[in-house]
């Protein structure tokens, strides 16, 4: 985390069967969606859910959440497309997503 108001988490998105999966890199947080365009919102929701749960347990946000397994970092580094939201949603973290097609 860069400061108390901004979180930057890289993620890799990929299709698995009929669903799209988005996997965090710095933190092992994952979300699913039926449509690739719904992945950023699904991931932001999963990130916020994790923040709330860790705080409810008396820990700092993301404390105890390990990085994703190395295969996802490799996928991220080898990805050839990057997606960023054009409009930022108020009170949502900044999210960058790379997609494996």
PDB file of N, CA and C in Angstrom:
ATOM      1  N   UNK A   1       0.852  -1.177   0.000  1.00  0.00           N
ATOM      2  CA  UNK A   1       0.000   0.000   0.000  1.00  0.00           C
ATOM      3  C   UNK A   1       0.893   1.233   0.000  1.00  0.00           C
ATOM      4  N   UNK A   2       0.509   2.250  -0.760  1.00  0.00           N
ATOM      5  CA  UNK A   2       1.345   3.429  -0.854  1.00  0.00           C
ATOM      6  C   UNK A   2       1.033   4.441   0.237  1.00  0.00           C
ATOM      7  N   UNK A   3      -0.216   4.586   0.615  1.00  0.00           N
ATOM      8  CA  UNK A   3      -0.609   5.418   1.745  1.00  0.00           C
ATOM      9  C   UNK A   3      -1.971   4.940   2.220  1.00  0.00           C
ATOM     10  N   UNK A   4      -2.544   5.621   3.190  1.00  0.00           N
ATOM     11  CA  UNK A   4      -3.801   5.152   3.759  1.00  0.00           C
ATOM     12  C   UNK A   4      -4.988   5.291   2.814  1.00  0.00           C
ATOM     13  N   UNK A   5      -4.873   6.121   1.782  1.00  0.00           N
ATOM     14  CA  UNK A   5      -6.011   6.364   0.903  1.00  0.00           C
ATOM     15  C   UNK A   5      -5.903   5.708  -0.470  1.00  0.00           C
ATOM     16  N   UNK A   6      -4.758   5.109  -0.775  1.00  0.00           N
ATOM     17  CA  UNK A   6      -4.594   4.541  -2.111  1.00  0.00           C
ATOM     18  C   UNK A   6      -3.936   3.171  -2.012  1.00  0.00           C
ATOM     19  N   UNK A   7      -4.461   2.240  -2.783  1.00  0.00           N
ATOM     20  CA  UNK A   7      -3.925   0.893  -2.858  1.00  0.00           C
ATOM     21  C   UNK A   7      -3.643   0.599  -4.318  1.00  0.00           C
ATOM     22  N   UNK A   8      -2.486   0.050  -4.617  1.00  0.00           N
ATOM     23  CA  UNK A   8      -2.168  -0.350  -5.990  1.00  0.00           C
ATOM     24  C   UNK A   8      -1.850  -1.840  -5.957  1.00  0.00           C
ATOM     25  N   UNK A   9      -2.699  -2.624  -6.610  1.00  0.00           N
ATOM     26  CA  UNK A   9      -2.504  -4.064  -6.686  1.00  0.00           C
ATOM     27  C   UNK A   9      -2.546  -4.455  -8.151  1.00  0.00           C
ATOM     28  N   UNK A  10      -1.509  -5.105  -8.608  1.00  0.00           N
ATOM     29  CA  UNK A  10      -1.505  -5.637  -9.959  1.00  0.00           C
ATOM     30  C   UNK A  10      -2.283  -6.940  -9.970  1.00  0.00           C
ATOM     31  N   UNK A  11      -2.870  -7.258 -11.119  1.00  0.00           N
ATOM     32  CA  UNK A  11      -3.646  -8.484 -11.245  1.00  0.00           C
ATOM     33  C   UNK A  11      -3.523  -9.024 -12.658  1.00  0.00           C
ATOM     34  N   UNK A  12      -3.703 -10.323 -12.771  1.00  0.00           N
ATOM     35  CA  UNK A  12      -3.707 -10.982 -14.075  1.00  0.00           C
ATOM     36  C   UNK A  12      -5.105 -11.547 -14.312  1.00  0.00           C
ATOM     37  N   UNK A  13      -5.622 -11.320 -15.506  1.00  0.00           N
ATOM     38  CA  UNK A  13      -6.945 -11.830 -15.860  1.00  0.00           C
ATOM     39  C   UNK A  13      -6.771 -12.882 -16.947  1.00  0.00           C
ATOM     40  N   UNK A  14      -7.541 -13.956 -16.837  1.00  0.00           N
ATOM     41  CA  UNK A  14      -7.455 -15.017 -17.832  1.00  0.00           C
ATOM     42  C   UNK A  14      -8.776 -15.788 -17.857  1.00  0.00           C
ATOM     43  N   UNK A  15      -9.016 -16.433 -18.978  1.00  0.00           N
ATOM     44  CA  UNK A  15     -10.250 -17.210 -19.125  1.00  0.00           C
ATOM     45  C   UNK A  15      -9.971 -18.635 -18.686  1.00  0.00           C
ATOM     46  N   UNK A  16     -10.898 -19.166 -17.892  1.00  0.00           N
ATOM     47  CA  UNK A  16     -10.800 -20.542 -17.414  1.00  0.00           C
ATOM     48  C   UNK A  16     -12.170 -21.179 -17.619  1.00  0.00           C
ATOM     49  N   UNK A  17     -12.284 -22.030 -18.629  1.00  0.00           N
ATOM     50  CA  UNK A  17     -13.586 -22.587 -18.980  1.00  0.00           C
ATOM     51  C   UNK A  17     -14.484 -21.484 -19.514  1.00  0.00           C
ATOM     52  N   UNK A  18     -15.677 -21.366 -18.941  1.00  0.00           N
ATOM     53  CA  UNK A  18     -16.619 -20.331 -19.365  1.00  0.00           C
ATOM     54  C   UNK A  18     -16.493 -19.044 -18.561  1.00  0.00           C
ATOM     55  N   UNK A  19     -15.652 -19.032 -17.550  1.00  0.00           N
ATOM     56  CA  UNK A  19     -15.540 -17.869 -16.656  1.00  0.00           C
ATOM     57  C   UNK A  19     -14.215 -17.138 -16.857  1.00  0.00           C
ATOM     58  N   UNK A  20     -14.236 -15.852 -16.532  1.00  0.00           N
ATOM     59  CA  UNK A  20     -13.016 -15.058 -16.469  1.00  0.00           C
ATOM     60  C   UNK A  20     -12.571 -15.008 -15.017  1.00  0.00           C
ATOM     61  N   UNK A  21     -11.276 -15.116 -14.808  1.00  0.00           N
ATOM     62  CA  UNK A  21     -10.683 -15.107 -13.475  1.00  0.00           C
ATOM     63  C   UNK A  21      -9.733 -13.932 -13.402  1.00  0.00           C
ATOM     64  N   UNK A  22      -9.706 -13.257 -12.266  1.00  0.00           N
ATOM     65  CA  UNK A  22      -8.730 -12.196 -12.025  1.00  0.00           C
ATOM     66  C   UNK A  22      -8.026 -12.506 -10.714  1.00  0.00           C
ATOM     67  N   UNK A  23      -6.708 -12.570 -10.773  1.00  0.00           N
ATOM     68  CA  UNK A  23      -5.869 -12.984  -9.643  1.00  0.00           C
ATOM     69  C   UNK A  23      -4.922 -11.848  -9.282  1.00  0.00           C
ATOM     70  N   UNK A  24      -4.967 -11.408  -8.025  1.00  0.00           N
ATOM     71  CA  UNK A  24      -4.024 -10.412  -7.545  1.00  0.00           C
ATOM     72  C   UNK A  24      -2.614 -10.969  -7.548  1.00  0.00           C
ATOM     73  N   UNK A  25      -1.636 -10.104  -7.687  1.00  0.00           N
ATOM     74  CA  UNK A  25      -0.235 -10.524  -7.696  1.00  0.00           C
ATOM     75  C   UNK A  25       0.392 -10.302  -6.321  1.00  0.00           C
ATOM     76  N   UNK A  26       0.333  -9.090  -5.818  1.00  0.00           N
ATOM     77  CA  UNK A  26       0.949  -8.782  -4.526  1.00  0.00           C
ATOM     78  C   UNK A  26       0.234  -9.472  -3.366  1.00  0.00           C
ATOM     79  N   UNK A  27      -1.058  -9.721  -3.557  1.00  0.00           N
ATOM     80  CA  UNK A  27      -1.878 -10.400  -2.550  1.00  0.00           C
ATOM     81  C   UNK A  27      -2.673 -11.499  -3.246  1.00  0.00           C
ATOM     82  N   UNK A  28      -2.795 -12.645  -2.607  1.00  0.00           N
ATOM     83  CA  UNK A  28      -3.510 -13.777  -3.184  1.00  0.00           C
ATOM     84  C   UNK A  28      -5.011 -13.572  -3.011  1.00  0.00           C
ATOM     85  N   UNK A  29      -5.533 -12.670  -3.838  1.00  0.00           N
ATOM     86  CA  UNK A  29      -6.961 -12.336  -3.859  1.00  0.00           C
ATOM     87  C   UNK A  29      -7.450 -12.641  -5.263  1.00  0.00           C
ATOM     88  N   UNK A  30      -8.582 -13.331  -5.359  1.00  0.00           N
ATOM     89  CA  UNK A  30      -9.094 -13.752  -6.660  1.00  0.00           C
ATOM     90  C   UNK A  30     -10.582 -13.453  -6.762  1.00  0.00           C
ATOM     91  N   UNK A  31     -11.035 -13.182  -7.982  1.00  0.00           N
ATOM     92  CA  UNK A  31     -12.459 -12.973  -8.249  1.00  0.00           C
ATOM     93  C   UNK A  31     -12.779 -13.587  -9.608  1.00  0.00           C
ATOM     94  N   UNK A  32     -14.057 -13.832  -9.841  1.00  0.00           N
ATOM     95  CA  UNK A  32     -14.525 -14.430 -11.095  1.00  0.00           C
ATOM     96  C   UNK A  32     -15.651 -13.577 -11.668  1.00  0.00           C
ATOM     97  N   UNK A  33     -15.801 -13.645 -12.992  1.00  0.00           N
ATOM     98  CA  UNK A  33     -16.918 -12.980 -13.663  1.00  0.00           C
ATOM     99  C   UNK A  33     -17.200 -13.716 -14.966  1.00  0.00           C
ATOM    100  N   UNK A  34     -18.412 -13.602 -15.440  1.00  0.00           N
ATOM    101  CA  UNK A  34     -18.781 -14.256 -16.702  1.00  0.00           C
ATOM    102  C   UNK A  34     -18.360 -13.425 -17.910  1.00  0.00           C
ATOM    103  N   UNK A  35     -18.065 -12.146 -17.678  1.00  0.00           N
ATOM    104  CA  UNK A  35     -17.719 -11.208 -18.756  1.00  0.00           C
ATOM    105  C   UNK A  35     -16.445 -10.473 -18.358  1.00  0.00           C
ATOM    106  N   UNK A  36     -15.496 -10.372 -19.261  1.00  0.00           N
ATOM    107  CA  UNK A  36     -14.212  -9.731 -18.961  1.00  0.00           C
ATOM    108  C   UNK A  36     -14.390  -8.271 -18.513  1.00  0.00           C
ATOM    109  N   UNK A  37     -15.411  -7.594 -19.023  1.00  0.00           N
ATOM    110  CA  UNK A  37     -15.614  -6.193 -18.654  1.00  0.00           C
ATOM    111  C   UNK A  37     -16.067  -6.027 -17.203  1.00  0.00           C
ATOM    112  N   UNK A  38     -16.528  -7.098 -16.588  1.00  0.00           N
ATOM    113  CA  UNK A  38     -16.979  -7.040 -15.195  1.00  0.00           C
ATOM    114  C   UNK A  38     -15.873  -7.396 -14.213  1.00  0.00           C
ATOM    115  N   UNK A  39     -14.694  -7.782 -14.706  1.00  0.00           N
ATOM    116  CA  UNK A  39     -13.602  -8.186 -13.825  1.00  0.00           C
ATOM    117  C   UNK A  39     -13.085  -7.072 -12.912  1.00  0.00           C
ATOM    118  N   UNK A  40     -12.851  -5.848 -13.411  1.00  0.00           N
ATOM    119  CA  UNK A  40     -12.334  -4.824 -12.499  1.00  0.00           C
ATOM    120  C   UNK A  40     -13.230  -4.601 -11.284  1.00  0.00           C
ATOM    121  N   UNK A  41     -14.532  -4.515 -11.500  1.00  0.00           N
ATOM    122  CA  UNK A  41     -15.438  -4.301 -10.373  1.00  0.00           C
ATOM    123  C   UNK A  41     -15.456  -5.515  -9.443  1.00  0.00           C
ATOM    124  N   UNK A  42     -15.445  -6.716 -10.008  1.00  0.00           N
ATOM    125  CA  UNK A  42     -15.429  -7.933  -9.180  1.00  0.00           C
ATOM    126  C   UNK A  42     -14.157  -7.979  -8.338  1.00  0.00           C
ATOM    127  N   UNK A  43     -13.032  -7.589  -8.935  1.00  0.00           N
ATOM    128  CA  UNK A  43     -11.771  -7.608  -8.194  1.00  0.00           C
ATOM    129  C   UNK A  43     -11.762  -6.545  -7.099  1.00  0.00           C
ATOM    130  N   UNK A  44     -12.238  -5.356  -7.421  1.00  0.00           N
ATOM    131  CA  UNK A  44     -12.282  -4.301  -6.401  1.00  0.00           C
ATOM    132  C   UNK A  44     -13.158  -4.726  -5.231  1.00  0.00           C
ATOM    133  N   UNK A  45     -14.259  -5.380  -5.522  1.00  0.00           N
ATOM    134  CA  UNK A  45     -15.140  -5.870  -4.458  1.00  0.00           C
ATOM    135  C   UNK A  45     -14.413  -6.907  -3.601  1.00  0.00           C
ATOM    136  N   UNK A  46     -13.673  -7.828  -4.234  1.00  0.00           N
ATOM    137  CA  UNK A  46     -12.928  -8.845  -3.495  1.00  0.00           C
ATOM    138  C   UNK A  46     -11.830  -8.216  -2.634  1.00  0.00           C
ATOM    139  N   UNK A  47     -11.169  -7.189  -3.163  1.00  0.00           N
ATOM    140  CA  UNK A  47     -10.125  -6.485  -2.400  1.00  0.00           C
ATOM    141  C   UNK A  47     -10.744  -5.813  -1.178  1.00  0.00           C
ATOM    142  N   UNK A  48     -11.847  -5.101  -1.392  1.00  0.00           N
ATOM    143  CA  UNK A  48     -12.495  -4.423  -0.267  1.00  0.00           C
ATOM    144  C   UNK A  48     -13.011  -5.427   0.759  1.00  0.00           C
ATOM    145  N   UNK A  49     -13.561  -6.542   0.308  1.00  0.00           N
ATOM    146  CA  UNK A  49     -14.008  -7.586   1.235  1.00  0.00           C
ATOM    147  C   UNK A  49     -12.847  -8.081   2.089  1.00  0.00           C
ATOM    148  N   UNK A  50     -11.695  -8.301   1.458  1.00  0.00           N
ATOM    149  CA  UNK A  50     -10.517  -8.756   2.202  1.00  0.00           C
ATOM    150  C   UNK A  50     -10.055  -7.710   3.207  1.00  0.00           C
ATOM    151  N   UNK A  51     -10.108  -6.442   2.830  1.00  0.00           N
ATOM    152  CA  UNK A  51      -9.722  -5.374   3.755  1.00  0.00           C
ATOM    153  C   UNK A  51     -10.636  -5.355   4.977  1.00  0.00           C
ATOM    154  N   UNK A  52     -11.929  -5.478   4.737  1.00  0.00           N
ATOM    155  CA  UNK A  52     -12.904  -5.453   5.831  1.00  0.00           C
ATOM    156  C   UNK A  52     -12.700  -6.657   6.758  1.00  0.00           C
ATOM    157  N   UNK A  53     -12.497  -7.827   6.166  1.00  0.00           N
ATOM    158  CA  UNK A  53     -12.314  -9.036   6.982  1.00  0.00           C
ATOM    159  C   UNK A  53     -11.056  -8.938   7.833  1.00  0.00           C
ATOM    160  N   UNK A  54      -9.936  -8.515   7.242  1.00  0.00           N
ATOM    161  CA  UNK A  54      -8.702  -8.430   8.039  1.00  0.00           C
ATOM    162  C   UNK A  54      -8.836  -7.382   9.132  1.00  0.00           C
ATOM    163  N   UNK A  55      -9.494  -6.268   8.852  1.00  0.00           N
ATOM    164  CA  UNK A  55      -9.702  -5.260   9.892  1.00  0.00           C
ATOM    165  C   UNK A  55     -10.631  -5.785  10.983  1.00  0.00           C
ATOM    166  N   UNK A  56     -11.654  -6.534  10.607  1.00  0.00           N
ATOM    167  CA  UNK A  56     -12.567  -7.129  11.587  1.00  0.00           C
ATOM    168  C   UNK A  56     -11.810  -8.092  12.512  1.00  0.00           C
ATOM    169  N   UNK A  57     -10.783  -8.736  11.986  1.00  0.00           N
ATOM    170  CA  UNK A  57      -9.970  -9.657  12.779  1.00  0.00           C
ATOM    171  C   UNK A  57      -8.908  -8.929  13.601  1.00  0.00           C
ATOM    172  N   UNK A  58      -8.918  -7.594  13.543  1.00  0.00           N
ATOM    173  CA  UNK A  58      -7.981  -6.804  14.330  1.00  0.00           C
ATOM    174  C   UNK A  58      -6.625  -6.627  13.680  1.00  0.00           C
ATOM    175  N   UNK A  59      -6.543  -6.876  12.393  1.00  0.00           N
ATOM    176  CA  UNK A  59      -5.272  -6.741  11.678  1.00  0.00           C
ATOM    177  C   UNK A  59      -5.348  -5.555  10.725  1.00  0.00           C
ATOM    178  N   UNK A  60      -4.192  -5.120  10.277  1.00  0.00           N
ATOM    179  CA  UNK A  60      -4.126  -4.076   9.256  1.00  0.00           C
ATOM    180  C   UNK A  60      -4.640  -4.656   7.937  1.00  0.00           C
ATOM    181  N   UNK A  61      -5.171  -3.803   7.049  1.00  0.00           N
ATOM    182  CA  UNK A  61      -5.634  -4.308   5.754  1.00  0.00           C
ATOM    183  C   UNK A  61      -4.537  -5.114   5.058  1.00  0.00           C
ATOM    184  N   UNK A  62      -4.890  -6.273   4.543  1.00  0.00           N
ATOM    185  CA  UNK A  62      -4.007  -7.176   3.811  1.00  0.00           C
ATOM    186  C   UNK A  62      -2.986  -7.917   4.676  1.00  0.00           C
ATOM    187  N   UNK A  63      -2.934  -7.606   5.958  1.00  0.00           N
ATOM    188  CA  UNK A  63      -1.993  -8.311   6.829  1.00  0.00           C
ATOM    189  C   UNK A  63      -2.329  -9.797   6.829  1.00  0.00           C
ATOM    190  N   UNK A  64      -1.330 -10.622   6.590  1.00  0.00           N
ATOM    191  CA  UNK A  64      -1.516 -12.063   6.584  1.00  0.00           C
ATOM    192  C   UNK A  64      -1.930 -12.625   5.235  1.00  0.00           C
ATOM    193  N   UNK A  65      -2.188 -11.774   4.245  1.00  0.00           N
ATOM    194  CA  UNK A  65      -2.533 -12.268   2.905  1.00  0.00           C
ATOM    195  C   UNK A  65      -1.232 -12.370   2.112  1.00  0.00           C
ATOM    196  N   UNK A  66      -0.875 -13.562   1.760  1.00  0.00           N
ATOM    197  CA  UNK A  66       0.384 -13.811   1.055  1.00  0.00           C
ATOM    198  C   UNK A  66       0.273 -13.387  -0.405  1.00  0.00           C
ATOM    199  N   UNK A  67       1.429 -13.212  -1.068  1.00  0.00           N
ATOM    200  CA  UNK A  67       1.399 -12.962  -2.516  1.00  0.00           C
ATOM    201  C   UNK A  67       0.829 -14.174  -3.247  1.00  0.00           C
ATOM    202  N   UNK A  68       0.383 -13.945  -4.458  1.00  0.00           N
ATOM    203  CA  UNK A  68      -0.120 -15.043  -5.292  1.00  0.00           C
ATOM    204  C   UNK A  68       1.012 -16.021  -5.568  1.00  0.00           C
ATOM    205  N   UNK A  69       0.674 -17.258  -5.866  1.00  0.00           N
ATOM    206  CA  UNK A  69       1.713 -18.213  -6.277  1.00  0.00           C
ATOM    207  C   UNK A  69       2.513 -17.676  -7.464  1.00  0.00           C
ATOM    208  N   UNK A  70       3.761 -18.074  -7.559  1.00  0.00           N
ATOM    209  CA  UNK A  70       4.700 -17.553  -8.558  1.00  0.00           C
ATOM    210  C   UNK A  70       4.189 -17.693  -9.996  1.00  0.00           C
ATOM    211  N   UNK A  71       3.425 -18.721 -10.288  1.00  0.00           N
ATOM    212  CA  UNK A  71       2.951 -18.899 -11.675  1.00  0.00           C
ATOM    213  C   UNK A  71       2.106 -17.718 -12.140  1.00  0.00           C
ATOM    214  N   UNK A  72       1.389 -17.067 -11.205  1.00  0.00           N
ATOM    215  CA  UNK A  72       0.581 -15.909 -11.584  1.00  0.00           C
ATOM    216  C   UNK A  72       1.461 -14.690 -11.841  1.00  0.00           C
ATOM    217  N   UNK A  73       2.540 -14.526 -11.067  1.00  0.00           N
ATOM    218  CA  UNK A  73       3.475 -13.420 -11.335  1.00  0.00           C
ATOM    219  C   UNK A  73       4.112 -13.628 -12.712  1.00  0.00           C
ATOM    220  N   UNK A  74       4.476 -14.853 -13.029  1.00  0.00           N
ATOM    221  CA  UNK A  74       5.054 -15.138 -14.354  1.00  0.00           C
ATOM    222  C   UNK A  74       4.053 -14.824 -15.455  1.00  0.00           C
ATOM    223  N   UNK A  75       2.799 -15.227 -15.270  1.00  0.00           N
ATOM    224  CA  UNK A  75       1.765 -14.902 -16.256  1.00  0.00           C
ATOM    225  C   UNK A  75       1.639 -13.394 -16.419  1.00  0.00           C
ATOM    226  N   UNK A  76       1.659 -12.670 -15.300  1.00  0.00           N
ATOM    227  CA  UNK A  76       1.529 -11.218 -15.317  1.00  0.00           C
ATOM    228  C   UNK A  76       2.677 -10.585 -16.106  1.00  0.00           C
ATOM    229  N   UNK A  77       3.889 -11.035 -15.817  1.00  0.00           N
ATOM    230  CA  UNK A  77       5.066 -10.456 -16.482  1.00  0.00           C
ATOM    231  C   UNK A  77       5.112 -10.783 -17.964  1.00  0.00           C
ATOM    232  N   UNK A  78       4.499 -11.892 -18.373  1.00  0.00           N
ATOM    233  CA  UNK A  78       4.503 -12.295 -19.776  1.00  0.00           C
ATOM    234  C   UNK A  78       3.278 -11.794 -20.540  1.00  0.00           C
ATOM    235  N   UNK A  79       2.336 -11.173 -19.874  1.00  0.00           N
ATOM    236  CA  UNK A  79       1.107 -10.703 -20.532  1.00  0.00           C
ATOM    237  C   UNK A  79       1.443  -9.657 -21.589  1.00  0.00           C
ATOM    238  N   UNK A  80       0.634  -9.633 -22.645  1.00  0.00           N
ATOM    239  CA  UNK A  80       0.901  -8.682 -23.720  1.00  0.00           C
ATOM    240  C   UNK A  80      -0.146  -7.589 -23.853  1.00  0.00           C
ATOM    241  N   UNK A  81      -1.150  -7.586 -22.982  1.00  0.00           N
ATOM    242  CA  UNK A  81      -2.182  -6.560 -23.014  1.00  0.00           C
ATOM    243  C   UNK A  81      -2.396  -6.025 -21.610  1.00  0.00           C
ATOM    244  N   UNK A  82      -2.553  -4.713 -21.489  1.00  0.00           N
ATOM    245  CA  UNK A  82      -2.823  -4.096 -20.193  1.00  0.00           C
ATOM    246  C   UNK A  82      -4.140  -3.347 -20.269  1.00  0.00           C
ATOM    247  N   UNK A  83      -4.965  -3.498 -19.245  1.00  0.00           N
ATOM    248  CA  UNK A  83      -6.266  -2.834 -19.195  1.00  0.00           C
ATOM    249  C   UNK A  83      -6.296  -1.930 -17.969  1.00  0.00           C
ATOM    250  N   UNK A  84      -6.771  -0.722 -18.164  1.00  0.00           N
ATOM    251  CA  UNK A  84      -6.964   0.211 -17.052  1.00  0.00           C
ATOM    252  C   UNK A  84      -8.343   0.841 -17.193  1.00  0.00           C
ATOM    253  N   UNK A  85      -9.044   1.044 -16.079  1.00  0.00           N
ATOM    254  CA  UNK A  85     -10.343   1.734 -16.173  1.00  0.00           C
ATOM    255  C   UNK A  85     -10.137   3.153 -16.703  1.00  0.00           C
ATOM    256  N   UNK A  86     -11.036   3.614 -17.544  1.00  0.00           N
ATOM    257  CA  UNK A  86     -10.951   4.983 -18.051  1.00  0.00           C
ATOM    258  C   UNK A  86     -11.427   5.981 -17.014  1.00  0.00           C
ATOM    259  N   UNK A  87     -12.392   5.583 -16.227  1.00  0.00           N
ATOM    260  CA  UNK A  87     -12.925   6.449 -15.181  1.00  0.00           C
ATOM    261  C   UNK A  87     -12.693   5.793 -13.841  1.00  0.00           C
ATOM    262  N   UNK A  88     -12.195   6.565 -12.888  1.00  0.00           N
ATOM    263  CA  UNK A  88     -12.008   6.040 -11.547  1.00  0.00           C
ATOM    264  C   UNK A  88     -13.313   6.156 -10.783  1.00  0.00           C
ATOM    265  N   UNK A  89     -13.627   5.139 -10.053  1.00  0.00           N
ATOM    266  CA  UNK A  89     -14.832   5.161  -9.226  1.00  0.00           C
ATOM    267  C   UNK A  89     -14.452   5.762  -7.881  1.00  0.00           C
ATOM    268  N   UNK A  90     -15.223   6.697  -7.402  1.00  0.00           N
ATOM    269  CA  UNK A  90     -14.954   7.331  -6.115  1.00  0.00           C
ATOM    270  C   UNK A  90     -14.852   6.283  -5.022  1.00  0.00           C
ATOM    271  N   UNK A  91     -13.886   6.459  -4.153  1.00  0.00           N
ATOM    272  CA  UNK A  91     -13.688   5.606  -2.986  1.00  0.00           C
ATOM    273  C   UNK A  91     -13.321   4.162  -3.321  1.00  0.00           C
ATOM    274  N   UNK A  92     -12.918   3.864  -4.556  1.00  0.00           N
ATOM    275  CA  UNK A  92     -12.449   2.528  -4.910  1.00  0.00           C
ATOM    276  C   UNK A  92     -10.952   2.616  -5.140  1.00  0.00           C
ATOM    277  N   UNK A  93     -10.208   1.557  -4.830  1.00  0.00           N
ATOM    278  CA  UNK A  93      -8.768   1.572  -5.085  1.00  0.00           C
ATOM    279  C   UNK A  93      -8.457   1.624  -6.568  1.00  0.00           C
ATOM    280  N   UNK A  94      -7.276   2.105  -6.907  1.00  0.00           N
ATOM    281  CA  UNK A  94      -6.781   2.122  -8.280  1.00  0.00           C
ATOM    282  C   UNK A  94      -6.388   0.687  -8.624  1.00  0.00           C
ATOM    283  N   UNK A  95      -6.828   0.176  -9.767  1.00  0.00           N
ATOM    284  CA  UNK A  95      -6.559  -1.203 -10.132  1.00  0.00           C
ATOM    285  C   UNK A  95      -5.973  -1.225 -11.548  1.00  0.00           C
ATOM    286  N   UNK A  96      -4.873  -1.936 -11.720  1.00  0.00           N
ATOM    287  CA  UNK A  96      -4.312  -2.187 -13.044  1.00  0.00           C
ATOM    288  C   UNK A  96      -4.414  -3.672 -13.305  1.00  0.00           C
ATOM    289  N   UNK A  97      -4.840  -4.044 -14.486  1.00  0.00           N
ATOM    290  CA  UNK A  97      -5.061  -5.451 -14.808  1.00  0.00           C
ATOM    291  C   UNK A  97      -4.353  -5.765 -16.123  1.00  0.00           C
ATOM    292  N   UNK A  98      -3.635  -6.859 -16.168  1.00  0.00           N
ATOM    293  CA  UNK A  98      -3.085  -7.341 -17.419  1.00  0.00           C
ATOM    294  C   UNK A  98      -3.854  -8.591 -17.795  1.00  0.00           C
ATOM    295  N   UNK A  99      -4.090  -8.766 -19.089  1.00  0.00           N
ATOM    296  CA  UNK A  99      -4.941  -9.849 -19.553  1.00  0.00           C
ATOM    297  C   UNK A  99      -4.134 -10.819 -20.414  1.00  0.00           C
ATOM    298  N   UNK A 100      -4.310 -12.099 -20.148  1.00  0.00           N
ATOM    299  CA  UNK A 100      -3.767 -13.155 -21.008  1.00  0.00           C
ATOM    300  C   UNK A 100      -4.912 -13.621 -21.887  1.00  0.00           C
ATOM    301  N   UNK A 101      -4.753 -13.532 -23.177  1.00  0.00           N
ATOM    302  CA  UNK A 101      -5.828 -13.952 -24.069  1.00  0.00           C
ATOM    303  C   UNK A 101      -5.452 -15.243 -24.772  1.00  0.00           C
TER     304      UNK A 101
END
